[in-house]
Amino acid sequence: MSIDILAYGEPLIEFNQQPDDPSRYLQGFGGDTSNFCIAAARQGATTGYITAVGADSFGERLLALWTRERVDTRHVVVNASAPTGVYFVSHDNHGHRFDYLRERSAASRYHHEQLPLATIAQARFLHLSGISLAISTSACDAGLAAMEHARKAGAKVSLDTNLRLRLWSLARARGIMREAFSLTDICLPSWDDITILTGLDDRDAIVDYLLGCGVELVALKLGEEGSYIATQESRALVAPFPVRPVDATGAGDCFGGSFIARLAADADPFDAARYANIAAALSTTGYGAVAPIPHAETVRARLEQGVTVIA
């Protein structure tokens, strides 16, 4: 079976604090690249995941989730010697906060010898994030090797910056991400991440930097301001889709998965951004990273309302 989009990274089990009872946490699913895969699959792309989970009930739940969501799990390693990672989301007047139990998780023990090189070479897109490269040295080496192999085979590589300074130092993050940018075709940075990584605070300067690294297409995520899409030939701000958000967990992942899914369907990058802005906005109207990710029919219905480029 051919796969449009492969993702490599770390899945997590989520426990999300409930607004009606702060002592109660709803079990869900997370992990940026897992969220990305599910978002892409819900938009109609064929997807697969390269990762590892523990031989525990949480790993079993994740495998069942991906099966339900039509994410290919042939290349998910089950590690009997390491746990599946977990995180908690709490909410207060300042927004949401994340606390992680992921040290030495199964995904962090992944190494390059486990990469399914033949499958990577056959995919149209390979997606990673900064977290995929930050969770351990072995996972980082595997991620960079996967990127290099994909590009040599003619696949497009997409990268979400997803900077987490709890996982690595800023100096290491800057060095590794600079190398990763040189292996990236489509970059999906968040504003807060990329300003820290580059020291730049002007969107055109940021785009120029990334294009100068060899990136072909930049989709700069600006939250409530929409997204700034740029190629070597053109760039424009794509307007946001207005909603009343309650939980932004995973919104950037939803944008990325939806955006790459539309590119896989041969959409124009600016049209793909209009679509992805809507999908990401809708994902903030419910709690958790996965449950509120919309399906294609919902996004298409909202797209008919009209979202414009505001330049």
Protein backbone atom coordinates (compact mmCIF):
# COMPACT_ATOMS: atom_id res chain seq x y z
CA MET A 1 0.00 0.00 0.00
CA SER A 2 1.40 3.38 -0.99
CA ILE A 3 1.43 6.09 1.67
CA ASP A 4 1.01 9.81 1.06
CA ILE A 5 2.45 10.92 4.39
CA LEU A 6 4.75 9.23 6.91
CA ALA A 7 5.48 10.82 10.27
CA TYR A 8 8.29 10.06 12.69
CA GLY A 9 8.22 11.00 16.37
CA GLU A 10 6.86 10.44 19.85
CA PRO A 11 3.26 9.56 20.74
CA LEU A 12 1.92 10.28 24.21
CA ILE A 13 -1.06 9.43 26.36
CA GLU A 14 -2.87 12.59 27.45
CA PHE A 15 -4.70 13.38 30.69
CA ASN A 16 -6.64 16.62 30.27
CA GLN A 17 -8.04 18.52 33.26
CA GLN A 18 -11.80 18.99 33.03
CA PRO A 19 -13.27 22.49 33.52
CA ASP A 20 -16.23 21.34 35.62
CA ASP A 21 -14.04 19.42 38.10
CA PRO A 22 -10.31 20.36 38.33
CA SER A 23 -9.58 17.09 40.14
CA ARG A 24 -10.81 15.05 37.16
CA TYR A 25 -8.64 14.35 34.10
CA LEU A 26 -9.99 12.90 30.87
CA GLN A 27 -7.72 10.34 29.23
CA GLY A 28 -6.95 11.13 25.62
CA PHE A 29 -4.07 10.96 23.17
CA GLY A 30 -1.30 13.30 22.12
CA GLY A 31 2.19 13.62 20.82
CA ASP A 32 2.67 16.18 18.08
CA THR A 33 3.48 13.84 15.21
CA SER A 34 0.70 11.44 16.20
CA ASN A 35 -1.75 14.36 16.23
CA PHE A 36 -0.38 15.40 12.85
CA CYS A 37 -0.96 11.91 11.38
CA ILE A 38 -4.52 11.75 12.63
CA ALA A 39 -5.31 15.24 11.33
CA ALA A 40 -3.92 14.33 7.91
CA ALA A 41 -5.86 11.06 7.86
CA ARG A 42 -9.11 12.83 8.78
CA GLN A 43 -8.59 15.09 5.76
CA GLY A 44 -8.34 12.07 3.47
CA ALA A 45 -4.60 11.43 3.16
CA THR A 46 -3.10 7.97 3.55
CA THR A 47 -0.74 8.10 6.51
CA GLY A 48 1.70 5.94 8.43
CA TYR A 49 3.63 6.35 11.66
CA ILE A 50 7.23 5.49 12.52
CA THR A 51 7.65 5.32 16.28
CA ALA A 52 7.86 3.06 19.34
CA VAL A 53 5.46 2.44 22.21
CA GLY A 54 5.77 0.46 25.40
CA ALA A 55 4.40 -3.06 25.81
CA ASP A 56 1.78 -1.63 28.16
CA SER A 57 -1.90 -0.74 28.14
CA PHE A 58 -1.13 2.80 26.96
CA GLY A 59 0.77 1.46 23.98
CA GLU A 60 -2.15 -0.84 23.18
CA ARG A 61 -4.56 2.10 23.33
CA LEU A 62 -2.42 4.12 20.94
CA LEU A 63 -2.20 1.25 18.47
CA ALA A 64 -5.97 0.86 18.63
CA LEU A 65 -6.41 4.61 18.11
CA TRP A 66 -4.23 4.65 14.99
CA THR A 67 -6.06 1.64 13.59
CA ARG A 68 -9.40 3.41 14.08
CA GLU A 69 -8.01 6.55 12.46
CA ARG A 70 -6.61 4.65 9.44
CA VAL A 71 -2.98 5.39 10.32
CA ASP A 72 -0.70 2.58 9.13
CA THR A 73 1.03 0.98 12.15
CA ARG A 74 3.30 -1.52 10.37
CA HIS A 75 6.35 0.42 11.48
CA VAL A 76 5.41 1.01 15.12
CA VAL A 77 7.91 -0.82 17.36
CA VAL A 78 6.61 -2.29 20.63
CA ASN A 79 9.40 -2.08 23.21
CA ALA A 80 8.98 -4.39 26.19
CA SER A 81 11.75 -2.59 28.10
CA ALA A 82 10.41 0.99 28.01
CA PRO A 83 7.13 2.75 28.83
CA THR A 84 4.79 4.78 26.68
CA GLY A 85 5.11 8.49 27.49
CA VAL A 86 2.38 10.40 29.36
CA TYR A 87 1.51 14.08 29.79
CA PHE A 88 -1.01 16.12 31.76
CA VAL A 89 -2.80 19.29 30.63
CA SER A 90 -4.06 21.72 33.29
CA HIS A 91 -6.01 24.90 32.65
CA ASP A 92 -6.15 28.24 34.45
CA ASN A 93 -6.63 31.93 33.71
CA HIS A 94 -3.27 32.01 31.90
CA GLY A 95 -4.16 29.23 29.46
CA HIS A 96 -2.97 25.62 29.47
CA ARG A 97 0.05 24.03 31.10
CA PHE A 98 1.78 20.76 30.24
CA ASP A 99 3.53 18.35 32.61
CA TYR A 100 5.31 15.32 31.14
CA LEU A 101 6.32 11.82 32.24
CA ARG A 102 8.36 10.83 29.18
CA GLU A 103 11.96 10.25 30.30
CA ARG A 104 13.40 7.14 28.60
CA SER A 105 10.09 6.46 26.87
CA ALA A 106 9.96 3.80 24.17
CA ALA A 107 9.97 6.49 21.47
CA SER A 108 13.06 8.15 22.95
CA ARG A 109 14.93 4.84 22.61
CA TYR A 110 14.27 4.57 18.90
CA HIS A 111 17.46 4.31 16.82
CA HIS A 112 18.33 4.61 13.16
CA GLU A 113 18.77 0.86 12.57
CA GLN A 114 15.01 0.51 13.11
CA LEU A 115 14.06 2.90 10.29
CA PRO A 116 11.88 1.36 7.53
CA LEU A 117 14.01 2.77 4.73
CA ALA A 118 12.05 1.16 1.89
CA THR A 119 8.75 2.59 3.12
CA ILE A 120 10.28 6.03 3.63
CA ALA A 121 11.59 5.97 0.06
CA GLN A 122 8.11 5.18 -1.28
CA ALA A 123 6.26 7.90 0.64
CA ARG A 124 5.42 11.28 -0.91
CA PHE A 125 5.99 13.22 2.32
CA LEU A 126 7.95 12.58 5.52
CA HIS A 127 7.07 14.70 8.55
CA LEU A 128 9.03 15.35 11.75
CA SER A 129 9.12 17.96 14.48
CA GLY A 130 11.64 19.52 16.80
CA ILE A 131 10.39 17.15 19.49
CA SER A 132 11.19 14.17 17.24
CA LEU A 133 14.81 15.35 17.32
CA ALA A 134 14.93 16.51 20.96
CA ILE A 135 13.78 13.50 22.96
CA SER A 136 17.15 11.69 22.77
CA THR A 137 20.39 11.52 20.82
CA SER A 138 19.43 8.21 19.20
CA ALA A 139 16.01 9.52 18.18
CA CYS A 140 17.66 12.64 16.77
CA ASP A 141 20.13 10.61 14.74
CA ALA A 142 17.29 8.47 13.40
CA GLY A 143 15.23 11.51 12.49
CA LEU A 144 18.04 13.20 10.58
CA ALA A 145 18.85 9.94 8.80
CA ALA A 146 15.19 9.55 7.81
CA MET A 147 15.11 13.10 6.44
CA GLU A 148 18.24 12.55 4.38
CA HIS A 149 17.00 9.21 3.05
CA ALA A 150 13.58 10.63 2.14
CA ARG A 151 15.05 13.51 0.17
CA LYS A 152 17.45 11.26 -1.72
CA ALA A 153 14.46 9.14 -2.73
CA GLY A 154 12.52 12.17 -3.96
CA ALA A 155 10.07 12.55 -1.05
CA LYS A 156 9.28 15.97 0.38
CA VAL A 157 10.28 16.53 4.02
CA SER A 158 8.12 18.68 6.28
CA LEU A 159 9.28 19.93 9.67
CA ASP A 160 7.39 21.60 12.52
CA THR A 161 9.75 23.48 14.83
CA ASN A 162 7.88 22.58 18.05
CA LEU A 163 10.63 23.86 20.34
CA ARG A 164 10.65 22.37 23.85
CA LEU A 165 13.55 23.70 25.90
CA ARG A 166 12.78 21.21 28.67
CA LEU A 167 14.18 18.58 26.32
CA TRP A 168 17.41 20.22 25.15
CA SER A 169 19.48 23.35 25.54
CA LEU A 170 18.90 26.33 23.29
CA ALA A 171 22.42 26.00 21.88
CA ARG A 172 21.85 22.36 20.91
CA ALA A 173 18.37 23.13 19.59
CA ARG A 174 19.73 25.88 17.35
CA GLY A 175 22.53 23.70 16.01
CA ILE A 176 20.40 20.63 15.31
CA MET A 177 17.49 22.61 13.88
CA ARG A 178 19.83 24.49 11.54
CA GLU A 179 20.95 21.12 10.21
CA ALA A 180 17.34 19.95 10.00
CA PHE A 181 16.30 23.07 8.05
CA SER A 182 18.90 22.18 5.41
CA LEU A 183 17.07 18.84 4.95
CA THR A 184 13.58 20.38 4.91
CA ASP A 185 11.35 21.18 1.93
CA ILE A 186 8.30 22.45 3.85
CA CYS A 187 8.78 24.23 7.18
CA LEU A 188 5.87 24.73 9.59
CA PRO A 189 7.26 26.98 12.33
CA SER A 190 5.29 28.54 15.15
CA TRP A 191 6.02 32.20 15.85
CA ASP A 192 7.25 31.69 19.41
CA ASP A 193 9.53 28.81 18.40
CA ILE A 194 11.15 30.37 15.38
CA THR A 195 11.81 33.75 17.00
CA ILE A 196 13.74 31.96 19.76
CA LEU A 197 15.59 29.70 17.35
CA THR A 198 16.62 32.49 14.99
CA GLY A 199 16.66 35.60 17.19
CA LEU A 200 14.52 37.31 14.52
CA ASP A 201 11.18 39.02 15.14
CA ASP A 202 10.12 40.09 11.65
CA ARG A 203 8.08 37.63 9.65
CA ASP A 204 9.78 38.41 6.33
CA ALA A 205 13.23 38.15 7.89
CA ILE A 206 12.24 34.78 9.36
CA VAL A 207 10.95 33.57 6.01
CA ASP A 208 14.09 34.82 4.25
CA TYR A 209 16.23 32.93 6.76
CA LEU A 210 14.37 29.66 6.22
CA LEU A 211 14.31 29.99 2.44
CA GLY A 212 18.03 30.72 2.62
CA CYS A 213 18.53 27.39 4.40
CA GLY A 214 17.07 25.64 1.37
CA VAL A 215 13.43 25.37 2.46
CA GLU A 216 11.04 25.59 -0.52
CA LEU A 217 7.81 26.45 1.29
CA VAL A 218 7.23 28.12 4.67
CA ALA A 219 3.90 28.09 6.53
CA LEU A 220 4.49 30.34 9.53
CA LYS A 221 1.78 29.71 12.13
CA LEU A 222 0.58 32.93 13.74
CA GLY A 223 -2.29 31.66 15.90
CA GLU A 224 -5.17 34.13 15.98
CA GLU A 225 -3.56 36.10 13.14
CA GLY A 226 -3.70 33.21 10.69
CA SER A 227 -0.68 31.93 8.78
CA TYR A 228 2.00 33.50 6.61
CA ILE A 229 2.75 31.41 3.53
CA ALA A 230 5.91 31.96 1.52
CA THR A 231 7.83 30.48 -1.39
CA GLN A 232 10.75 31.92 -3.32
CA GLU A 233 8.23 33.50 -5.72
CA SER A 234 5.43 34.83 -3.50
CA ARG A 235 4.21 35.29 0.04
CA ALA A 236 0.96 36.31 1.72
CA LEU A 237 -0.86 36.34 5.05
CA VAL A 238 -3.83 33.98 5.05
CA ALA A 239 -6.62 35.18 7.31
CA PRO A 240 -7.67 33.16 10.38
CA PHE A 241 -11.04 31.50 10.81
CA PRO A 242 -12.85 33.03 13.82
CA VAL A 243 -14.00 30.69 16.59
CA ARG A 244 -14.38 30.79 20.38
CA PRO A 245 -11.48 28.60 21.52
CA VAL A 246 -11.54 26.60 24.74
CA ASP A 247 -8.35 24.51 24.42
CA ALA A 248 -5.54 25.11 21.92
CA THR A 249 -3.79 21.79 22.66
CA GLY A 250 -2.61 20.31 19.38
CA ALA A 251 -3.91 23.13 17.16
CA GLY A 252 -0.56 23.59 15.47
CA ASP A 253 -0.34 19.85 14.81
CA CYS A 254 -3.82 19.93 13.29
CA PHE A 255 -2.75 22.80 11.05
CA GLY A 256 0.33 20.89 9.91
CA GLY A 257 -1.46 17.62 9.21
CA SER A 258 -4.26 19.38 7.35
CA PHE A 259 -1.84 21.54 5.37
CA ILE A 260 0.34 18.64 4.21
CA ALA A 261 -2.76 16.54 3.46
CA ARG A 262 -3.98 19.26 1.11
CA LEU A 263 -0.56 19.49 -0.53
CA ALA A 264 -0.69 15.71 -0.99
CA ALA A 265 -4.00 16.29 -2.81
CA ASP A 266 -2.12 18.75 -5.08
CA ALA A 267 -3.68 21.89 -3.61
CA ASP A 268 -2.01 25.27 -4.04
CA PRO A 269 -0.09 26.22 -0.83
CA PHE A 270 -2.28 29.26 -0.21
CA ASP A 271 -5.47 27.23 -0.65
CA ALA A 272 -3.97 24.56 1.61
CA ALA A 273 -3.37 27.24 4.26
CA ARG A 274 -6.95 28.50 4.06
CA TYR A 275 -8.12 24.96 4.66
CA ALA A 276 -5.61 24.29 7.45
CA ASN A 277 -6.46 27.56 9.24
CA ILE A 278 -10.07 26.41 9.48
CA ALA A 279 -9.16 22.91 10.64
CA ALA A 280 -6.82 24.25 13.33
CA ALA A 281 -9.37 26.79 14.53
CA LEU A 282 -12.09 24.15 14.81
CA SER A 283 -9.73 21.91 16.78
CA THR A 284 -9.60 24.54 19.55
CA THR A 285 -13.35 24.40 20.19
CA GLY A 286 -13.12 21.15 22.21
CA TYR A 287 -10.81 19.70 24.85
CA GLY A 288 -7.83 17.49 24.11
CA ALA A 289 -5.41 17.14 21.23
CA VAL A 290 -7.20 14.50 19.15
CA ALA A 291 -10.94 14.41 19.85
CA PRO A 292 -11.70 17.90 18.43
CA ILE A 293 -9.70 17.46 15.18
CA PRO A 294 -12.34 17.98 12.47
CA HIS A 295 -12.98 15.68 9.54
CA ALA A 296 -12.79 16.84 5.95
CA GLU A 297 -16.51 17.30 5.42
CA THR A 298 -16.72 19.69 8.38
CA VAL A 299 -13.78 21.76 7.19
CA ARG A 300 -15.10 21.93 3.63
CA ALA A 301 -18.47 23.15 4.86
CA ARG A 302 -16.81 25.98 6.78
CA LEU A 303 -14.49 26.73 3.85
CA GLU A 304 -17.52 27.60 1.78
CA GLN A 305 -18.09 30.55 4.12
CA GLY A 306 -14.98 32.13 2.62
CA VAL A 307 -11.49 32.77 3.98
CA THR A 308 -9.37 35.32 2.18
CA VAL A 309 -5.70 36.19 1.77
CA ILE A 310 -5.15 39.60 3.37
CA ALA A 311 -1.62 40.14 2.06
